[in-house]
Each structure stands twice: as structure tokens, then as C-alpha cells.
Protein backbone atom coordinates (compact mmCIF):
# COMPACT_ATOMS: atom_id res chain seq x y z
CA MET A 1 78.79 126.35 92.94
CA SER A 2 82.12 124.63 93.42
CA ASP A 3 82.79 120.94 92.86
CA ILE A 4 84.81 120.70 96.07
CA HIS A 5 82.00 118.76 97.74
CA ALA A 6 82.30 116.12 95.03
CA LEU A 7 85.65 115.10 96.52
CA ASP A 8 83.85 113.80 99.63
CA VAL A 9 86.84 114.63 101.86
CA PRO A 10 86.10 116.02 105.31
CA VAL A 11 87.79 119.39 105.67
CA ASN A 12 88.49 119.26 109.39
CA ARG A 13 89.66 115.69 109.70
CA LYS A 14 93.02 114.87 111.23
CA PRO A 15 95.52 113.44 108.72
CA GLU A 16 95.92 110.36 110.96
CA ASP A 17 92.22 109.60 110.45
CA SER A 18 92.75 108.85 106.78
CA ASN A 19 91.49 105.42 105.81
CA SER A 20 93.86 105.12 102.88
CA GLY A 21 97.03 105.23 104.98
CA GLU A 22 98.76 106.76 101.99
CA PHE A 23 100.56 109.49 103.94
CA ILE A 24 101.91 109.63 107.47
CA TRP A 25 101.71 113.07 109.06
CA GLY A 26 103.88 114.27 111.95
CA ALA A 27 107.02 113.00 113.63
CA PRO A 28 105.12 111.02 116.31
CA ALA A 29 103.18 109.04 113.69
CA ILE A 30 106.31 108.50 111.59
CA SER A 31 108.17 107.33 114.70
CA ALA A 32 105.58 104.61 115.29
CA VAL A 33 106.21 103.21 111.81
CA ILE A 34 110.00 103.23 112.01
CA GLY A 35 110.27 102.09 115.64
CA ARG A 36 112.00 105.16 117.07
CA SER A 37 110.97 107.66 119.72
CA PRO A 38 109.27 110.85 118.49
CA ARG A 39 112.32 112.85 119.59
CA GLN A 40 114.75 110.58 117.70
CA THR A 41 112.50 110.73 114.64
CA PHE A 42 112.28 114.52 114.72
CA HIS A 43 116.08 114.68 114.96
CA ILE A 44 116.65 112.46 111.92
CA LEU A 45 113.91 114.25 109.97
CA SER A 46 115.46 117.64 110.73
CA GLY A 47 118.87 116.36 109.67
CA GLY A 48 117.50 115.25 106.30
CA GLN A 49 118.29 111.59 106.94
CA ILE A 50 114.87 110.43 105.75
CA LYS A 51 115.05 111.42 102.09
CA CYS A 52 111.39 110.81 101.26
CA ALA A 53 110.07 113.11 104.03
CA ARG A 54 108.97 116.69 103.40
CA LYS A 55 107.71 119.53 105.53
CA VAL A 56 104.26 120.81 104.59
CA GLY A 57 102.87 123.71 106.56
CA GLY A 58 105.42 123.18 109.31
CA ARG A 59 104.51 119.50 109.70
CA TRP A 60 106.48 116.48 108.52
CA VAL A 61 104.79 114.22 106.00
CA VAL A 62 105.94 111.07 104.24
CA SER A 63 104.41 108.52 101.92
CA ARG A 64 104.00 105.22 103.77
CA ALA A 65 105.21 103.23 100.75
CA ALA A 66 108.28 105.44 100.24
CA LEU A 67 109.15 105.30 103.95
CA LEU A 68 108.95 101.52 104.04
CA ARG A 69 110.94 101.29 100.82
CA GLU A 70 113.63 103.61 102.22
CA PHE A 71 113.89 101.53 105.39
CA GLY A 72 114.07 98.30 103.40
CA ALA A 73 110.73 96.85 104.52
CA VAL A 74 109.31 96.53 101.00
């Protein structure tokens, strides 16, 4: 039997439901943190202007700490 159940991570949860807040998934969620519209955020993400953001499985993801650091909030 696999130890995957030992991780105690729900498989079908939405990334936004994470209690840790470690990662922000999707342009709409990122836009809420940086104070831009989802469309503006998608544009700057696509242009590579947020250096700490990456695309994973076709969805943008960024570390909350790195995003705040890049925008000078921390």
C-alpha cells in the first residue's frame, strides 16, 4: 500500500482552499493580491513581467512570499 494517504492532502481540493496560503493559483487570485483586474494580471503574467510566476498545467502559480517581495510589500 502507498504512503500517499499519510500526506493528509485532499486530492480534489481547489488550490485556493489551501490553509497555508503558500501558493496563489490562477490569474484571478493573483490579481486580488496585487490590486489589478484579472485581465491586466493575465497580460502582465503572459508578458513575463512577474518574474516569480510560473505556469503549471496551463495555470499560473506564484509563491505568496515571492510575489509580495517582488512588489515591494515585504
